[in-house]
Amino acid sequence: MKKKIFFLVNVDSFFVSHRLQIASAMLSEGFEVHVATEFTKYKSKFKKMGFITHNINFNRNSVNIITLLLSLIEIFFLLRKIRPDIFHLISLKPVFLGGLISFISPVRSVVISITGLGSMFLGDGIFFKLRLILLNFIYKIIFLFSNQKVILQNNDDKKYLINYANLKPKKIKIIKGSGIELGDFKFSKIPFKKRPIILMASRLISDKGVNEYIGAIKYLKNKNFNAKFYLAGNIDVNNPSRIDRSKILFWQKNKLIFFKKYYQKISKLIKISNIVILPSYREGFPKILMEAAACGRPVITTNVPGCRDAVKKNVTGIIIPPKNYIALADAIKNLCENKNKQIKMGLAARKYAIKNFDVKKIVNEHLDIYKKLMN
């Protein structure tokens, strides 16, 4: 009888960009692979690949109790039907719902992927503190499951969950990101032209530092710094910190940015750029910084969890304080004016990517976790 693995994830697009190779590897290992998620456009792709698909409407940014209960019931009956050997939970809502229902379901082992503690752990004020208490309490319950491995992407999240959610160190495995296919992100020389090109590629939400990027651009233009600034990404309409489309179009109309919708071949944009930036407030382990490194591009990012873990300071990139558009502007200007530094950092970044970011390495680490849990 075939062994079964059941992936529970918030949305199909995230699974495609961050876990698809792992699921494919499990098919090759002879597993029956189930994927339960909110489907947008990849359902037929998953079926062609050999995955068994299940629709679950997570309403990602909704905390409606009725919706949560309905999702919980759906997951419960799926687990009773499938009876997986491995139940792999990815992203916040699947982790919470799947983690809680595991205790009363026929689940033999649980893998939890926490892809950064994210915006839910950013903020201040009384409501933020109450939310934090609730989140930590739920994590404490989930981490009580015995046959379990928790995959984290950086040491800051590890320290936090050990201290505030009673996560046992023996349950933790740190895997730096989801990896990238190095063949899709080949090294290329930096194209030195009259106007350097700066690229920021991310979801278009405030927490990624989009407003600091715009602030830095305005500051540099006032200093007569001549560069082309690209902003690539999709608007996350369900996110409370989203950047409205009207604002992005206003920036483009006023020639602050060249706006590009995020697309699969992000490597093309990286390769026409001199520098890639991500002035985020907090990350798990940002994929764009791995992709930039693989293409041989220096990066500028912030001194926050996740971002600082993806960069070798002053070797593959520059680390600046978060929420500081002047520091960002100065770093962009200084790096653009030093071609030798760009070349040196770009070469170092490619070497660093080969050593640390190869998706094959990430897949093997996951397979090792699955095998140990089943034994």
Protein backbone atom coordinates (compact mmCIF):
# COMPACT_ATOMS: atom_id res chain seq x y z
CA MET A 1 0.00 0.00 0.00
CA LYS A 2 1.32 3.43 -0.97
CA LYS A 3 2.52 5.83 1.70
CA LYS A 4 0.62 9.14 1.68
CA ILE A 5 1.74 12.73 2.15
CA PHE A 6 -0.82 15.50 2.53
CA PHE A 7 0.24 19.13 1.93
CA LEU A 8 -2.04 21.79 3.41
CA VAL A 9 -1.21 25.28 2.12
CA ASN A 10 -3.01 28.62 1.92
CA VAL A 11 -2.96 29.16 -1.87
CA ASP A 12 -1.81 27.20 -4.92
CA SER A 13 0.52 29.92 -6.26
CA PHE A 14 2.59 29.84 -3.06
CA PHE A 15 2.88 26.06 -3.31
CA VAL A 16 4.09 26.37 -6.92
CA SER A 17 6.78 28.91 -6.05
CA HIS A 18 7.93 27.39 -2.75
CA ARG A 19 7.16 23.65 -2.45
CA LEU A 20 6.47 22.15 -5.88
CA GLN A 21 9.84 20.40 -6.25
CA ILE A 22 9.43 18.76 -2.84
CA ALA A 23 6.01 17.37 -3.79
CA SER A 24 7.40 16.13 -7.13
CA ALA A 25 10.24 14.40 -5.30
CA MET A 26 7.70 12.60 -3.09
CA LEU A 27 5.93 11.30 -6.21
CA SER A 28 9.28 9.94 -7.40
CA GLU A 29 9.71 8.30 -3.99
CA GLY A 30 6.48 6.39 -4.63
CA PHE A 31 4.18 8.42 -2.38
CA GLU A 32 0.56 9.30 -3.02
CA VAL A 33 0.68 13.10 -2.93
CA HIS A 34 -2.36 15.12 -1.80
CA VAL A 35 -2.51 18.93 -2.01
CA ALA A 36 -5.31 20.80 -0.25
CA THR A 37 -5.40 24.52 -0.91
CA GLU A 38 -7.32 27.49 -2.24
CA PHE A 39 -6.98 27.14 -6.02
CA THR A 40 -6.56 30.11 -8.33
CA LYS A 41 -5.14 28.76 -11.60
CA TYR A 42 -2.89 25.74 -10.99
CA LYS A 43 -5.37 22.94 -10.30
CA SER A 44 -5.06 21.34 -13.75
CA LYS A 45 -1.25 21.64 -13.55
CA PHE A 46 -1.24 19.76 -10.24
CA LYS A 47 -3.48 17.01 -11.64
CA LYS A 48 -1.27 16.60 -14.72
CA MET A 49 1.74 16.24 -12.43
CA GLY A 50 0.00 13.41 -10.58
CA PHE A 51 -1.13 15.16 -7.39
CA ILE A 52 -4.55 14.50 -5.87
CA THR A 53 -6.16 17.90 -5.29
CA HIS A 54 -8.64 19.13 -2.69
CA ASN A 55 -10.31 22.56 -2.59
CA ILE A 56 -10.28 24.45 0.70
CA ASN A 57 -11.35 28.09 0.83
CA PHE A 58 -9.09 29.60 3.48
CA ASN A 59 -10.08 33.28 2.96
CA ARG A 60 -6.48 34.04 3.87
CA ASN A 61 -6.86 37.39 5.58
CA SER A 62 -10.28 36.79 7.10
CA VAL A 63 -10.75 35.84 10.76
CA ASN A 64 -14.47 35.10 10.44
CA ILE A 65 -15.22 32.38 13.01
CA ILE A 66 -17.82 30.61 10.84
CA THR A 67 -15.40 30.46 7.89
CA LEU A 68 -12.65 29.12 10.15
CA LEU A 69 -14.94 26.43 11.54
CA LEU A 70 -16.03 25.37 8.05
CA SER A 71 -12.38 25.09 6.95
CA LEU A 72 -11.61 23.11 10.11
CA ILE A 73 -14.44 20.65 9.40
CA GLU A 74 -13.30 20.25 5.77
CA ILE A 75 -9.74 19.45 6.90
CA PHE A 76 -10.99 17.00 9.54
CA PHE A 77 -13.02 14.93 7.06
CA LEU A 78 -10.21 15.00 4.50
CA LEU A 79 -7.80 13.63 7.10
CA ARG A 80 -10.25 10.88 8.09
CA LYS A 81 -10.56 9.90 4.44
CA ILE A 82 -6.88 10.12 3.45
CA ARG A 83 -5.22 9.00 6.73
CA PRO A 84 -1.81 10.43 5.72
CA ASP A 85 1.53 9.14 6.91
CA ILE A 86 2.86 12.70 6.72
CA PHE A 87 0.76 15.83 7.20
CA HIS A 88 2.76 18.87 6.02
CA LEU A 89 1.36 22.28 7.01
CA ILE A 90 2.56 25.40 5.20
CA SER A 91 1.76 29.06 6.03
CA LEU A 92 -0.04 30.53 9.03
CA LYS A 93 -3.72 29.56 8.69
CA PRO A 94 -3.03 25.97 7.54
CA VAL A 95 -0.53 25.60 10.40
CA PHE A 96 -3.09 26.75 12.98
CA LEU A 97 -6.10 24.86 11.61
CA GLY A 98 -4.22 21.73 10.59
CA GLY A 99 -2.11 21.74 13.74
CA LEU A 100 -5.15 21.88 16.03
CA ILE A 101 -7.18 19.26 14.17
CA SER A 102 -4.22 16.82 14.08
CA PHE A 103 -4.82 15.81 17.70
CA ILE A 104 -8.19 14.23 16.86
CA SER A 105 -7.34 12.93 13.38
CA PRO A 106 -5.65 9.77 12.07
CA VAL A 107 -2.35 11.57 11.44
CA ARG A 108 0.91 9.71 12.07
CA SER A 109 3.40 12.57 11.73
CA VAL A 110 3.22 16.32 11.29
CA VAL A 111 5.65 18.66 9.55
CA ILE A 112 5.13 22.37 10.13
CA SER A 113 6.75 24.91 7.81
CA ILE A 114 6.78 28.40 9.32
CA THR A 115 7.82 30.66 6.49
CA GLY A 116 8.59 33.63 8.73
CA LEU A 117 6.48 34.96 11.57
CA GLY A 118 5.43 37.79 9.29
CA SER A 119 3.18 40.82 9.63
CA MET A 120 1.04 39.22 12.36
CA PHE A 121 4.05 39.65 14.63
CA LEU A 122 4.63 43.28 13.69
CA GLY A 123 2.92 46.17 15.43
CA ASP A 124 2.31 47.90 18.75
CA GLY A 125 -0.54 48.87 21.06
CA ILE A 126 -2.91 46.87 23.23
CA PHE A 127 -4.67 45.00 20.38
CA PHE A 128 -1.32 43.90 18.95
CA LYS A 129 -0.23 42.59 22.37
CA LEU A 130 -3.49 40.69 22.82
CA ARG A 131 -3.14 39.20 19.34
CA LEU A 132 0.41 38.14 20.16
CA ILE A 133 -0.70 36.40 23.35
CA LEU A 134 -3.36 34.49 21.39
CA LEU A 135 -0.96 33.49 18.59
CA ASN A 136 1.67 32.29 21.06
CA PHE A 137 -0.96 30.27 22.95
CA ILE A 138 -2.15 28.53 19.77
CA TYR A 139 1.44 27.73 18.80
CA LYS A 140 2.02 26.24 22.29
CA ILE A 141 -0.90 23.85 21.78
CA ILE A 142 0.14 22.85 18.25
CA PHE A 143 3.73 22.13 19.31
CA LEU A 144 2.48 19.50 21.81
CA PHE A 145 1.95 16.97 19.01
CA SER A 146 4.54 14.26 19.65
CA ASN A 147 5.75 12.99 16.25
CA GLN A 148 6.45 16.41 14.77
CA LYS A 149 9.15 18.46 13.07
CA VAL A 150 9.02 22.25 12.79
CA ILE A 151 10.90 23.79 9.87
CA LEU A 152 12.04 27.37 10.44
CA GLN A 153 13.93 29.63 8.09
CA ASN A 154 15.99 31.79 10.42
CA ASN A 155 17.43 31.89 13.94
CA ASP A 156 15.33 34.85 15.10
CA ASP A 157 12.12 32.84 14.63
CA LYS A 158 13.76 29.89 16.39
CA LYS A 159 14.64 31.97 19.47
CA TYR A 160 11.19 33.57 19.55
CA LEU A 161 9.24 30.30 19.39
CA ILE A 162 11.46 28.59 21.96
CA ASN A 163 11.02 31.50 24.38
CA TYR A 164 7.34 32.35 23.83
CA ALA A 165 5.70 29.20 22.46
CA ASN A 166 7.56 26.44 24.33
CA LEU A 167 8.86 24.91 21.11
CA LYS A 168 11.36 22.17 22.00
CA PRO A 169 14.76 22.65 20.28
CA LYS A 170 14.88 18.94 19.32
CA LYS A 171 11.78 19.45 17.14
CA ILE A 172 13.39 22.27 15.14
CA LYS A 173 15.10 22.06 11.79
CA ILE A 174 16.35 25.27 10.18
CA ILE A 175 16.20 25.20 6.38
CA LYS A 176 17.19 28.48 4.75
CA GLY A 177 14.31 29.18 2.43
CA SER A 178 12.64 27.05 -0.22
CA GLY A 179 15.64 27.08 -2.54
CA ILE A 180 15.87 27.99 -6.21
CA GLU A 181 16.60 26.12 -9.41
CA LEU A 182 20.09 27.41 -10.17
CA GLY A 183 19.66 26.50 -13.84
CA ASP A 184 16.81 29.01 -14.09
CA PHE A 185 18.87 31.76 -12.47
CA LYS A 186 22.20 31.65 -14.26
CA PHE A 187 25.01 34.06 -13.59
CA SER A 188 25.25 37.07 -15.90
CA LYS A 189 27.51 40.10 -15.95
CA ILE A 190 26.13 43.34 -14.56
CA PRO A 191 25.08 45.55 -17.51
CA PHE A 192 26.81 48.86 -16.84
CA LYS A 193 24.93 51.53 -18.75
CA LYS A 194 24.61 55.29 -18.50
CA ARG A 195 21.67 54.91 -16.10
CA PRO A 196 21.93 52.11 -13.54
CA ILE A 197 18.81 50.02 -13.01
CA ILE A 198 17.52 49.33 -9.50
CA LEU A 199 14.94 46.58 -8.98
CA MET A 200 12.57 45.93 -6.12
CA ALA A 201 10.46 42.79 -6.59
CA SER A 202 7.99 41.70 -3.92
CA ARG A 203 4.34 41.55 -2.98
CA LEU A 204 3.10 45.14 -3.07
CA ILE A 205 2.42 45.69 0.61
CA SER A 206 3.77 48.27 3.04
CA ASP A 207 5.50 45.62 5.16
CA LYS A 208 7.87 44.90 2.27
CA GLY A 209 9.21 48.47 2.44
CA VAL A 210 7.59 49.78 -0.74
CA ASN A 211 7.01 53.24 0.79
CA GLU A 212 10.68 53.44 1.87
CA TYR A 213 11.68 52.57 -1.70
CA ILE A 214 9.56 55.41 -3.06
CA GLY A 215 10.95 57.75 -0.37
CA ALA A 216 14.50 56.84 -1.38
CA ILE A 217 13.71 57.43 -5.07
CA LYS A 218 12.31 60.90 -4.35
CA TYR A 219 15.33 61.72 -2.19
CA LEU A 220 17.76 60.60 -4.90
CA LYS A 221 15.94 62.49 -7.66
CA ASN A 222 16.18 65.66 -5.58
CA LYS A 223 19.95 65.01 -5.46
CA ASN A 224 19.95 64.70 -9.28
CA PHE A 225 20.88 61.02 -9.13
CA ASN A 226 20.07 59.56 -12.55
CA ALA A 227 18.85 55.95 -12.44
CA LYS A 228 15.92 53.78 -13.56
CA PHE A 229 13.86 52.35 -10.73
CA TYR A 230 11.75 49.24 -11.31
CA LEU A 231 8.99 48.00 -9.03
CA ALA A 232 7.77 44.49 -9.81
CA GLY A 233 5.04 42.65 -7.99
CA ASN A 234 1.39 41.81 -7.62
CA ILE A 235 -1.08 43.68 -5.44
CA ASP A 236 -2.17 41.49 -2.55
CA VAL A 237 -5.78 42.69 -2.46
CA ASN A 238 -6.57 40.70 0.70
CA ASN A 239 -3.69 42.09 2.72
CA PRO A 240 -4.48 44.96 5.12
CA SER A 241 -1.16 46.66 4.32
CA ARG A 242 -1.60 46.46 0.54
CA ILE A 243 -0.46 49.30 -1.72
CA ASP A 244 -3.41 50.48 -3.79
CA ARG A 245 -3.14 50.21 -7.55
CA SER A 246 -4.04 53.90 -7.93
CA LYS A 247 -0.98 54.85 -5.88
CA ILE A 248 1.31 52.66 -7.99
CA LEU A 249 -0.08 54.14 -11.21
CA PHE A 250 0.43 57.63 -9.74
CA TRP A 251 4.09 56.85 -9.04
CA GLN A 252 4.51 55.54 -12.56
CA LYS A 253 2.76 58.53 -14.12
CA ASN A 254 5.12 60.84 -12.21
CA LYS A 255 8.13 58.85 -13.51
CA LEU A 256 9.27 57.67 -10.11
CA ILE A 257 9.11 54.00 -11.11
CA PHE A 258 8.70 51.61 -14.01
CA PHE A 259 6.00 49.23 -12.83
CA LYS A 260 6.00 45.58 -13.86
CA LYS A 261 3.52 42.96 -12.78
CA TYR A 262 5.32 40.05 -11.14
CA TYR A 263 5.79 37.16 -13.53
CA GLN A 264 7.47 33.76 -13.61
CA LYS A 265 10.57 34.91 -15.52
CA ILE A 266 11.72 37.34 -12.84
CA SER A 267 15.29 36.41 -13.84
CA LYS A 268 14.90 38.60 -16.94
CA LEU A 269 14.31 41.67 -14.78
CA ILE A 270 17.13 40.75 -12.42
CA LYS A 271 19.57 40.41 -15.29
CA ILE A 272 18.92 43.88 -16.69
CA SER A 273 19.45 45.34 -13.21
CA ASN A 274 22.55 46.51 -11.38
CA ILE A 275 21.19 46.08 -7.87
CA VAL A 276 18.22 44.29 -6.30
CA ILE A 277 16.71 45.69 -3.10
CA LEU A 278 14.29 44.49 -0.44
CA PRO A 279 13.73 46.99 2.41
CA SER A 280 11.32 44.65 4.22
CA TYR A 281 10.21 44.88 7.87
CA ARG A 282 10.42 41.10 8.49
CA GLU A 283 10.79 37.93 6.41
CA GLY A 284 11.18 34.19 6.68
CA PHE A 285 13.89 33.80 4.05
CA PRO A 286 13.12 35.96 1.01
CA LYS A 287 13.23 34.21 -2.33
CA ILE A 288 14.04 37.35 -4.33
CA LEU A 289 17.33 37.75 -2.44
CA MET A 290 18.26 34.16 -3.32
CA GLU A 291 17.31 34.72 -6.97
CA ALA A 292 19.33 37.93 -7.15
CA ALA A 293 22.38 36.24 -5.63
CA ALA A 294 22.16 33.35 -8.09
CA CYS A 295 22.15 35.81 -11.01
CA GLY A 296 25.22 37.54 -9.55
CA ARG A 297 23.57 40.72 -8.34
CA PRO A 298 24.50 42.60 -5.18
CA VAL A 299 21.55 43.35 -2.92
CA ILE A 300 20.53 45.99 -0.42
CA THR A 301 18.25 44.81 2.34
CA THR A 302 17.30 45.56 5.93
CA ASN A 303 18.67 44.40 9.27
CA VAL A 304 15.58 42.34 10.16
CA PRO A 305 14.89 38.60 10.61
CA GLY A 306 15.10 36.71 7.34
CA CYS A 307 16.65 39.50 5.28
CA ARG A 308 19.94 39.60 7.17
CA ASP A 309 20.06 35.77 7.07
CA ALA A 310 20.02 35.74 3.26
CA VAL A 311 22.98 38.10 2.86
CA LYS A 312 26.65 37.93 3.76
CA LYS A 313 27.12 41.46 5.09
CA ASN A 314 29.33 43.68 2.90
CA VAL A 315 30.30 40.60 0.86
CA THR A 316 27.17 39.70 -1.13
CA GLY A 317 25.15 42.76 -0.19
CA ILE A 318 24.58 45.75 2.05
CA ILE A 319 22.42 45.70 5.17
CA ILE A 320 20.71 48.91 6.30
CA PRO A 321 18.37 49.85 9.18
CA PRO A 322 14.66 49.14 8.50
CA LYS A 323 12.14 51.90 7.78
CA ASN A 324 14.91 54.35 6.83
CA TYR A 325 14.58 55.70 3.29
CA ILE A 326 17.65 57.97 3.60
CA ALA A 327 19.88 55.03 4.55
CA LEU A 328 18.41 53.13 1.59
CA ALA A 329 19.03 56.04 -0.77
CA ASP A 330 22.62 56.46 0.40
CA ALA A 331 23.31 52.74 -0.01
CA ILE A 332 21.87 52.76 -3.56
CA LYS A 333 23.91 55.82 -4.56
CA ASN A 334 27.18 54.59 -3.03
CA LEU A 335 26.92 51.13 -4.59
CA CYS A 336 25.90 52.47 -8.01
CA GLU A 337 28.92 54.77 -8.03
CA ASN A 338 31.32 51.90 -7.30
CA LYS A 339 31.39 49.51 -10.26
CA ASN A 340 34.21 47.38 -8.86
CA LYS A 341 32.25 46.81 -5.66
CA GLN A 342 29.20 45.75 -7.67
CA ILE A 343 31.28 43.25 -9.66
CA LYS A 344 33.00 41.86 -6.56
CA MET A 345 29.74 41.50 -4.63
CA GLY A 346 27.99 39.95 -7.63
CA LEU A 347 30.65 37.24 -8.00
CA ALA A 348 30.57 36.52 -4.26
CA ALA A 349 26.77 36.36 -4.35
CA ARG A 350 26.77 33.70 -7.07
CA LYS A 351 29.24 31.54 -5.11
CA TYR A 352 27.12 31.97 -1.98
CA ALA A 353 23.97 30.95 -3.88
CA ILE A 354 25.58 27.79 -5.27
CA LYS A 355 26.65 26.76 -1.77
CA ASN A 356 23.44 27.62 0.09
CA PHE A 357 20.39 28.07 -2.15
CA ASP A 358 20.29 25.08 -4.52
CA VAL A 359 16.75 23.65 -4.45
CA LYS A 360 18.14 20.10 -4.69
CA LYS A 361 19.76 20.61 -1.29
CA ILE A 362 16.46 21.88 0.16
CA VAL A 363 14.50 18.94 -1.29
CA ASN A 364 16.95 16.42 0.19
CA GLU A 365 16.69 18.05 3.60
CA HIS A 366 12.89 17.67 3.47
CA LEU A 367 13.10 14.03 2.36
CA ASP A 368 15.42 13.34 5.29
CA ILE A 369 12.87 14.86 7.71
CA TYR A 370 10.02 12.75 6.26
CA LYS A 371 12.01 9.52 6.49
CA LYS A 372 13.04 10.12 10.10
CA LEU A 373 9.47 10.90 11.16
CA MET A 374 8.08 7.77 9.53
CA ASN A 375 10.70 5.64 11.24
